Amino acid sequence: MSKKPTLPDGDDGRTIANMNVEGMPWYSPAPKRDVPPAPEQSDPLSREDRRHYILGALLAALAVAAVFGVAIFLFISFCDFIWFR
């Protein structure tokens, strides 16, 4: 008769961190599962929608750059006119 290994006190047998790491000697790849193919994009963006997305992203980037530029300008002005006097 084979005995089941007993768990230490306080151990309920759950896995907290999976130690099956690729590149380690004990690594064993998981069995591959049948994954259904991803559905194709049924409604591609029109040229006008794509242009609006690009323009929105560009304006957002320019707004962030403007905020950083104003902050740097104010810091340099503060240093020049108040701190270093």
PDB file of N, CA and C in Angstrom:
ATOM      1  N   MET A   1       0.822  -1.181   0.000  1.00  0.00           N
ATOM      2  CA  MET A   1       0.000   0.000   0.000  1.00  0.00           C
ATOM      3  C   MET A   1       0.873   1.255   0.000  1.00  0.00           C
ATOM      4  N   SER A   2       0.522   2.204  -0.864  1.00  0.00           N
ATOM      5  CA  SER A   2       1.287   3.456  -0.892  1.00  0.00           C
ATOM      6  C   SER A   2       0.570   4.491  -0.047  1.00  0.00           C
ATOM      7  N   LYS A   3       1.370   5.221   0.700  1.00  0.00           N
ATOM      8  CA  LYS A   3       0.810   6.259   1.556  1.00  0.00           C
ATOM      9  C   LYS A   3       0.776   7.581   0.801  1.00  0.00           C
ATOM     10  N   LYS A   4      -0.247   8.351   1.038  1.00  0.00           N
ATOM     11  CA  LYS A   4      -0.303   9.702   0.501  1.00  0.00           C
ATOM     12  C   LYS A   4       0.627  10.580   1.329  1.00  0.00           C
ATOM     13  N   PRO A   5       1.378  11.467   0.663  1.00  0.00           N
ATOM     14  CA  PRO A   5       2.216  12.362   1.466  1.00  0.00           C
ATOM     15  C   PRO A   5       1.331  13.299   2.286  1.00  0.00           C
ATOM     16  N   THR A   6       1.664  13.455   3.531  1.00  0.00           N
ATOM     17  CA  THR A   6       0.885  14.338   4.387  1.00  0.00           C
ATOM     18  C   THR A   6       1.421  15.754   4.268  1.00  0.00           C
ATOM     19  N   LEU A   7       0.525  16.708   4.356  1.00  0.00           N
ATOM     20  CA  LEU A   7       0.887  18.117   4.262  1.00  0.00           C
ATOM     21  C   LEU A   7       1.239  18.649   5.645  1.00  0.00           C
ATOM     22  N   PRO A   8       2.193  19.562   5.725  1.00  0.00           N
ATOM     23  CA  PRO A   8       2.518  20.161   7.018  1.00  0.00           C
ATOM     24  C   PRO A   8       1.328  20.951   7.567  1.00  0.00           C
ATOM     25  N   ASP A   9       1.364  21.213   8.868  1.00  0.00           N
ATOM     26  CA  ASP A   9       0.291  22.001   9.487  1.00  0.00           C
ATOM     27  C   ASP A   9       0.203  23.364   8.821  1.00  0.00           C
ATOM     28  N   GLY A  10      -1.003  23.813   8.550  1.00  0.00           N
ATOM     29  CA  GLY A  10      -1.229  25.112   7.935  1.00  0.00           C
ATOM     30  C   GLY A  10      -1.133  25.091   6.426  1.00  0.00           C
ATOM     31  N   ASP A  11      -0.818  23.963   5.797  1.00  0.00           N
ATOM     32  CA  ASP A  11      -0.712  23.874   4.347  1.00  0.00           C
ATOM     33  C   ASP A  11      -1.974  23.215   3.807  1.00  0.00           C
ATOM     34  N   ASP A  12      -2.686  23.917   2.954  1.00  0.00           N
ATOM     35  CA  ASP A  12      -3.915  23.349   2.400  1.00  0.00           C
ATOM     36  C   ASP A  12      -3.715  22.825   0.980  1.00  0.00           C
ATOM     37  N   GLY A  13      -2.493  22.849   0.471  1.00  0.00           N
ATOM     38  CA  GLY A  13      -2.196  22.262  -0.829  1.00  0.00           C
ATOM     39  C   GLY A  13      -2.349  23.201  -2.012  1.00  0.00           C
ATOM     40  N   ARG A  14      -2.737  24.452  -1.795  1.00  0.00           N
ATOM     41  CA  ARG A  14      -2.889  25.388  -2.909  1.00  0.00           C
ATOM     42  C   ARG A  14      -1.525  25.877  -3.384  1.00  0.00           C
ATOM     43  N   THR A  15      -1.441  26.202  -4.673  1.00  0.00           N
ATOM     44  CA  THR A  15      -0.207  26.740  -5.244  1.00  0.00           C
ATOM     45  C   THR A  15      -0.254  28.258  -5.156  1.00  0.00           C
ATOM     46  N   ILE A  16       0.711  28.854  -4.489  1.00  0.00           N
ATOM     47  CA  ILE A  16       0.777  30.304  -4.354  1.00  0.00           C
ATOM     48  C   ILE A  16       1.521  30.901  -5.542  1.00  0.00           C
ATOM     49  N   ALA A  17       2.661  30.342  -5.878  1.00  0.00           N
ATOM     50  CA  ALA A  17       3.448  30.832  -7.007  1.00  0.00           C
ATOM     51  C   ALA A  17       3.902  29.625  -7.817  1.00  0.00           C
ATOM     52  N   ASN A  18       3.621  29.637  -9.097  1.00  0.00           N
ATOM     53  CA  ASN A  18       4.013  28.542  -9.970  1.00  0.00           C
ATOM     54  C   ASN A  18       5.514  28.647 -10.250  1.00  0.00           C
ATOM     55  N   MET A  19       6.258  27.627  -9.912  1.00  0.00           N
ATOM     56  CA  MET A  19       7.711  27.628 -10.087  1.00  0.00           C
ATOM     57  C   MET A  19       8.140  26.952 -11.385  1.00  0.00           C
ATOM     58  N   ASN A  20       7.205  26.697 -12.275  1.00  0.00           N
ATOM     59  CA  ASN A  20       7.518  26.093 -13.561  1.00  0.00           C
ATOM     60  C   ASN A  20       7.964  27.224 -14.500  1.00  0.00           C
ATOM     61  N   VAL A  21       9.236  27.607 -14.420  1.00  0.00           N
ATOM     62  CA  VAL A  21       9.771  28.748 -15.155  1.00  0.00           C
ATOM     63  C   VAL A  21      10.582  28.246 -16.337  1.00  0.00           C
ATOM     64  N   GLU A  22      10.321  28.830 -17.507  1.00  0.00           N
ATOM     65  CA  GLU A  22      11.046  28.422 -18.705  1.00  0.00           C
ATOM     66  C   GLU A  22      12.540  28.688 -18.529  1.00  0.00           C
ATOM     67  N   GLY A  23      13.363  27.708 -18.884  1.00  0.00           N
ATOM     68  CA  GLY A  23      14.803  27.835 -18.764  1.00  0.00           C
ATOM     69  C   GLY A  23      15.367  27.115 -17.556  1.00  0.00           C
ATOM     70  N   MET A  24      14.517  26.730 -16.611  1.00  0.00           N
ATOM     71  CA  MET A  24      14.980  25.999 -15.440  1.00  0.00           C
ATOM     72  C   MET A  24      15.014  24.508 -15.758  1.00  0.00           C
ATOM     73  N   PRO A  25      15.834  23.739 -15.056  1.00  0.00           N
ATOM     74  CA  PRO A  25      15.970  22.316 -15.371  1.00  0.00           C
ATOM     75  C   PRO A  25      14.672  21.525 -15.200  1.00  0.00           C
ATOM     76  N   TRP A  26      13.797  21.930 -14.303  1.00  0.00           N
ATOM     77  CA  TRP A  26      12.574  21.173 -14.043  1.00  0.00           C
ATOM     78  C   TRP A  26      11.394  21.638 -14.895  1.00  0.00           C
ATOM     79  N   TYR A  27      11.623  22.565 -15.828  1.00  0.00           N
ATOM     80  CA  TYR A  27      10.539  23.124 -16.629  1.00  0.00           C
ATOM     81  C   TYR A  27       9.892  22.047 -17.493  1.00  0.00           C
ATOM     82  N   SER A  28       8.574  22.016 -17.467  1.00  0.00           N
ATOM     83  CA  SER A  28       7.823  21.137 -18.374  1.00  0.00           C
ATOM     84  C   SER A  28       6.710  21.977 -18.987  1.00  0.00           C
ATOM     85  N   PRO A  29       6.703  22.112 -20.302  1.00  0.00           N
ATOM     86  CA  PRO A  29       5.706  22.967 -20.940  1.00  0.00           C
ATOM     87  C   PRO A  29       4.299  22.440 -20.712  1.00  0.00           C
ATOM     88  N   ALA A  30       3.374  23.364 -20.594  1.00  0.00           N
ATOM     89  CA  ALA A  30       1.972  22.999 -20.398  1.00  0.00           C
ATOM     90  C   ALA A  30       1.429  22.402 -21.690  1.00  0.00           C
ATOM     91  N   PRO A  31       0.483  21.502 -21.578  1.00  0.00           N
ATOM     92  CA  PRO A  31      -0.098  20.945 -22.801  1.00  0.00           C
ATOM     93  C   PRO A  31      -0.812  22.034 -23.598  1.00  0.00           C
ATOM     94  N   LYS A  32      -0.692  21.960 -24.906  1.00  0.00           N
ATOM     95  CA  LYS A  32      -1.316  22.970 -25.758  1.00  0.00           C
ATOM     96  C   LYS A  32      -2.807  22.732 -25.825  1.00  0.00           C
ATOM     97  N   ARG A  33      -3.547  23.813 -25.763  1.00  0.00           N
ATOM     98  CA  ARG A  33      -4.999  23.732 -25.818  1.00  0.00           C
ATOM     99  C   ARG A  33      -5.468  24.214 -27.182  1.00  0.00           C
ATOM    100  N   ASP A  34      -6.576  23.701 -27.609  1.00  0.00           N
ATOM    101  CA  ASP A  34      -7.154  24.154 -28.868  1.00  0.00           C
ATOM    102  C   ASP A  34      -7.808  25.505 -28.642  1.00  0.00           C
ATOM    103  N   VAL A  35      -7.225  26.525 -29.257  1.00  0.00           N
ATOM    104  CA  VAL A  35      -7.730  27.878 -29.107  1.00  0.00           C
ATOM    105  C   VAL A  35      -8.461  28.236 -30.393  1.00  0.00           C
ATOM    106  N   PRO A  36      -9.703  28.687 -30.278  1.00  0.00           N
ATOM    107  CA  PRO A  36     -10.410  29.064 -31.502  1.00  0.00           C
ATOM    108  C   PRO A  36      -9.760  30.295 -32.125  1.00  0.00           C
ATOM    109  N   PRO A  37      -9.770  30.400 -33.435  1.00  0.00           N
ATOM    110  CA  PRO A  37      -9.152  31.573 -34.081  1.00  0.00           C
ATOM    111  C   PRO A  37      -9.890  32.847 -33.694  1.00  0.00           C
ATOM    112  N   ALA A  38      -9.121  33.911 -33.586  1.00  0.00           N
ATOM    113  CA  ALA A  38      -9.708  35.201 -33.222  1.00  0.00           C
ATOM    114  C   ALA A  38     -10.597  35.691 -34.357  1.00  0.00           C
ATOM    115  N   PRO A  39     -11.735  36.269 -34.000  1.00  0.00           N
ATOM    116  CA  PRO A  39     -12.612  36.783 -35.057  1.00  0.00           C
ATOM    117  C   PRO A  39     -11.964  37.962 -35.762  1.00  0.00           C
ATOM    118  N   GLU A  40     -12.169  38.037 -37.050  1.00  0.00           N
ATOM    119  CA  GLU A  40     -11.592  39.133 -37.823  1.00  0.00           C
ATOM    120  C   GLU A  40     -12.348  40.414 -37.529  1.00  0.00           C
ATOM    121  N   GLN A  41     -11.663  41.529 -37.700  1.00  0.00           N
ATOM    122  CA  GLN A  41     -12.296  42.812 -37.480  1.00  0.00           C
ATOM    123  C   GLN A  41     -13.337  43.025 -38.572  1.00  0.00           C
ATOM    124  N   SER A  42     -14.571  43.151 -38.151  1.00  0.00           N
ATOM    125  CA  SER A  42     -15.641  43.223 -39.145  1.00  0.00           C
ATOM    126  C   SER A  42     -15.863  44.636 -39.671  1.00  0.00           C
ATOM    127  N   ASP A  43     -15.499  45.652 -38.889  1.00  0.00           N
ATOM    128  CA  ASP A  43     -15.762  47.029 -39.305  1.00  0.00           C
ATOM    129  C   ASP A  43     -14.470  47.842 -39.216  1.00  0.00           C
ATOM    130  N   PRO A  44     -13.660  47.856 -40.288  1.00  0.00           N
ATOM    131  CA  PRO A  44     -12.419  48.644 -40.232  1.00  0.00           C
ATOM    132  C   PRO A  44     -12.732  50.140 -40.199  1.00  0.00           C
ATOM    133  N   LEU A  45     -11.763  50.902 -39.698  1.00  0.00           N
ATOM    134  CA  LEU A  45     -11.959  52.346 -39.608  1.00  0.00           C
ATOM    135  C   LEU A  45     -11.954  52.986 -40.992  1.00  0.00           C
ATOM    136  N   SER A  46     -12.793  53.978 -41.140  1.00  0.00           N
ATOM    137  CA  SER A  46     -12.780  54.735 -42.395  1.00  0.00           C
ATOM    138  C   SER A  46     -11.615  55.720 -42.352  1.00  0.00           C
ATOM    139  N   ARG A  47     -11.328  56.327 -43.484  1.00  0.00           N
ATOM    140  CA  ARG A  47     -10.215  57.291 -43.530  1.00  0.00           C
ATOM    141  C   ARG A  47     -10.479  58.469 -42.610  1.00  0.00           C
ATOM    142  N   GLU A  48     -11.727  58.921 -42.535  1.00  0.00           N
ATOM    143  CA  GLU A  48     -12.069  60.066 -41.699  1.00  0.00           C
ATOM    144  C   GLU A  48     -11.918  59.712 -40.210  1.00  0.00           C
ATOM    145  N   ASP A  49     -12.374  58.518 -39.813  1.00  0.00           N
ATOM    146  CA  ASP A  49     -12.227  58.100 -38.419  1.00  0.00           C
ATOM    147  C   ASP A  49     -10.755  57.964 -38.044  1.00  0.00           C
ATOM    148  N   ARG A  50      -9.965  57.384 -38.939  1.00  0.00           N
ATOM    149  CA  ARG A  50      -8.534  57.232 -38.677  1.00  0.00           C
ATOM    150  C   ARG A  50      -7.877  58.596 -38.517  1.00  0.00           C
ATOM    151  N   ARG A  51      -8.249  59.553 -39.355  1.00  0.00           N
ATOM    152  CA  ARG A  51      -7.705  60.908 -39.273  1.00  0.00           C
ATOM    153  C   ARG A  51      -8.071  61.561 -37.936  1.00  0.00           C
ATOM    154  N   HIS A  52      -9.311  61.338 -37.466  1.00  0.00           N
ATOM    155  CA  HIS A  52      -9.734  61.902 -36.184  1.00  0.00           C
ATOM    156  C   HIS A  52      -8.953  61.290 -35.014  1.00  0.00           C
ATOM    157  N   TYR A  53      -8.707  59.983 -35.067  1.00  0.00           N
ATOM    158  CA  TYR A  53      -7.917  59.340 -34.010  1.00  0.00           C
ATOM    159  C   TYR A  53      -6.493  59.885 -33.993  1.00  0.00           C
ATOM    160  N   ILE A  54      -5.880  60.039 -35.139  1.00  0.00           N
ATOM    161  CA  ILE A  54      -4.509  60.549 -35.213  1.00  0.00           C
ATOM    162  C   ILE A  54      -4.450  61.987 -34.716  1.00  0.00           C
ATOM    163  N   LEU A  55      -5.419  62.804 -35.129  1.00  0.00           N
ATOM    164  CA  LEU A  55      -5.455  64.200 -34.704  1.00  0.00           C
ATOM    165  C   LEU A  55      -5.656  64.295 -33.187  1.00  0.00           C
ATOM    166  N   GLY A  56      -6.526  63.474 -32.638  1.00  0.00           N
ATOM    167  CA  GLY A  56      -6.751  63.474 -31.191  1.00  0.00           C
ATOM    168  C   GLY A  56      -5.499  63.087 -30.421  1.00  0.00           C
ATOM    169  N   ALA A  57      -4.790  62.061 -30.895  1.00  0.00           N
ATOM    170  CA  ALA A  57      -3.556  61.637 -30.232  1.00  0.00           C
ATOM    171  C   ALA A  57      -2.493  62.727 -30.323  1.00  0.00           C
ATOM    172  N   LEU A  58      -2.400  63.379 -31.480  1.00  0.00           N
ATOM    173  CA  LEU A  58      -1.427  64.454 -31.656  1.00  0.00           C
ATOM    174  C   LEU A  58      -1.733  65.630 -30.735  1.00  0.00           C
ATOM    175  N   LEU A  59      -3.000  66.014 -30.634  1.00  0.00           N
ATOM    176  CA  LEU A  59      -3.371  67.122 -29.755  1.00  0.00           C
ATOM    177  C   LEU A  59      -3.128  66.772 -28.285  1.00  0.00           C
ATOM    178  N   ALA A  60      -3.361  65.528 -27.896  1.00  0.00           N
ATOM    179  CA  ALA A  60      -3.096  65.121 -26.524  1.00  0.00           C
ATOM    180  C   ALA A  60      -1.604  65.199 -26.224  1.00  0.00           C
ATOM    181  N   ALA A  61      -0.773  64.745 -27.143  1.00  0.00           N
ATOM    182  CA  ALA A  61       0.675  64.808 -26.944  1.00  0.00           C
ATOM    183  C   ALA A  61       1.152  66.258 -26.876  1.00  0.00           C
ATOM    184  N   LEU A  62       0.606  67.117 -27.733  1.00  0.00           N
ATOM    185  CA  LEU A  62       0.987  68.529 -27.697  1.00  0.00           C
ATOM    186  C   LEU A  62       0.544  69.199 -26.399  1.00  0.00           C
ATOM    187  N   ALA A  63      -0.602  68.810 -25.874  1.00  0.00           N
ATOM    188  CA  ALA A  63      -1.069  69.376 -24.604  1.00  0.00           C
ATOM    189  C   ALA A  63      -0.130  68.981 -23.464  1.00  0.00           C
ATOM    190  N   VAL A  64       0.291  67.721 -23.427  1.00  0.00           N
ATOM    191  CA  VAL A  64       1.218  67.274 -22.393  1.00  0.00           C
ATOM    192  C   VAL A  64       2.559  68.004 -22.538  1.00  0.00           C
ATOM    193  N   ALA A  65       3.043  68.153 -23.762  1.00  0.00           N
ATOM    194  CA  ALA A  65       4.304  68.865 -23.991  1.00  0.00           C
ATOM    195  C   ALA A  65       4.183  70.332 -23.578  1.00  0.00           C
ATOM    196  N   ALA A  66       3.025  70.948 -23.825  1.00  0.00           N
ATOM    197  CA  ALA A  66       2.829  72.344 -23.431  1.00  0.00           C
ATOM    198  C   ALA A  66       2.845  72.490 -21.910  1.00  0.00           C
ATOM    199  N   VAL A  67       2.222  71.553 -21.198  1.00  0.00           N
ATOM    200  CA  VAL A  67       2.221  71.622 -19.733  1.00  0.00           C
ATOM    201  C   VAL A  67       3.647  71.503 -19.198  1.00  0.00           C
ATOM    202  N   PHE A  68       4.424  70.573 -19.738  1.00  0.00           N
ATOM    203  CA  PHE A  68       5.812  70.443 -19.293  1.00  0.00           C
ATOM    204  C   PHE A  68       6.618  71.687 -19.657  1.00  0.00           C
ATOM    205  N   GLY A  69       6.393  72.256 -20.839  1.00  0.00           N
ATOM    206  CA  GLY A  69       7.114  73.461 -21.239  1.00  0.00           C
ATOM    207  C   GLY A  69       6.807  74.635 -20.334  1.00  0.00           C
ATOM    208  N   VAL A  70       5.545  74.816 -19.988  1.00  0.00           N
ATOM    209  CA  VAL A  70       5.167  75.914 -19.088  1.00  0.00           C
ATOM    210  C   VAL A  70       5.778  75.694 -17.712  1.00  0.00           C
ATOM    211  N   ALA A  71       5.765  74.458 -17.233  1.00  0.00           N
ATOM    212  CA  ALA A  71       6.351  74.169 -15.916  1.00  0.00           C
ATOM    213  C   ALA A  71       7.855  74.466 -15.910  1.00  0.00           C
ATOM    214  N   ILE A  72       8.552  74.095 -16.950  1.00  0.00           N
ATOM    215  CA  ILE A  72       9.996  74.362 -17.026  1.00  0.00           C
ATOM    216  C   ILE A  72      10.247  75.862 -17.112  1.00  0.00           C
ATOM    217  N   PHE A  73       9.443  76.579 -17.908  1.00  0.00           N
ATOM    218  CA  PHE A  73       9.584  78.030 -18.030  1.00  0.00           C
ATOM    219  C   PHE A  73       9.366  78.708 -16.674  1.00  0.00           C
ATOM    220  N   LEU A  74       8.325  78.283 -15.950  1.00  0.00           N
ATOM    221  CA  LEU A  74       8.059  78.886 -14.642  1.00  0.00           C
ATOM    222  C   LEU A  74       9.170  78.579 -13.640  1.00  0.00           C
ATOM    223  N   PHE A  75       9.722  77.379 -13.686  1.00  0.00           N
ATOM    224  CA  PHE A  75      10.818  77.026 -12.780  1.00  0.00           C
ATOM    225  C   PHE A  75      12.054  77.868 -13.072  1.00  0.00           C
ATOM    226  N   ILE A  76      12.388  78.025 -14.341  1.00  0.00           N
ATOM    227  CA  ILE A  76      13.565  78.833 -14.699  1.00  0.00           C
ATOM    228  C   ILE A  76      13.333  80.298 -14.324  1.00  0.00           C
ATOM    229  N   SER A  77      12.119  80.811 -14.543  1.00  0.00           N
ATOM    230  CA  SER A  77      11.810  82.194 -14.160  1.00  0.00           C
ATOM    231  C   SER A  77      11.912  82.368 -12.649  1.00  0.00           C
ATOM    232  N   PHE A  78      11.390  81.400 -11.898  1.00  0.00           N
ATOM    233  CA  PHE A  78      11.482  81.448 -10.438  1.00  0.00           C
ATOM    234  C   PHE A  78      12.940  81.466  -9.986  1.00  0.00           C
ATOM    235  N   CYS A  79      13.750  80.601 -10.582  1.00  0.00           N
ATOM    236  CA  CYS A  79      15.167  80.546 -10.208  1.00  0.00           C
ATOM    237  C   CYS A  79      15.873  81.860 -10.541  1.00  0.00           C
ATOM    238  N   ASP A  80      15.564  82.412 -11.706  1.00  0.00           N
ATOM    239  CA  ASP A  80      16.260  83.607 -12.175  1.00  0.00           C
ATOM    240  C   ASP A  80      15.865  84.841 -11.375  1.00  0.00           C
ATOM    241  N   PHE A  81      14.581  85.048 -11.119  1.00  0.00           N
ATOM    242  CA  PHE A  81      14.114  86.306 -10.533  1.00  0.00           C
ATOM    243  C   PHE A  81      13.963  86.274  -9.015  1.00  0.00           C
ATOM    244  N   ILE A  82      13.837  85.103  -8.396  1.00  0.00           N
ATOM    245  CA  ILE A  82      13.592  85.068  -6.955  1.00  0.00           C
ATOM    246  C   ILE A  82      14.706  84.320  -6.209  1.00  0.00           C
ATOM    247  N   TRP A  83      14.984  83.086  -6.597  1.00  0.00           N
ATOM    248  CA  TRP A  83      15.856  82.237  -5.815  1.00  0.00           C
ATOM    249  C   TRP A  83      17.313  82.680  -5.880  1.00  0.00           C
ATOM    250  N   PHE A  84      17.824  83.029  -7.049  1.00  0.00           N
ATOM    251  CA  PHE A  84      19.238  83.344  -7.218  1.00  0.00           C
ATOM    252  C   PHE A  84      19.539  84.832  -7.006  1.00  0.00           C
ATOM    253  N   ARG A  85      18.667  85.618  -6.479  1.00  0.00           N
ATOM    254  CA  ARG A  85      18.918  87.042  -6.246  1.00  0.00           C
ATOM    255  C   ARG A  85      19.608  87.274  -4.943  1.00  0.00           C
TER     256      ARG A  85
END
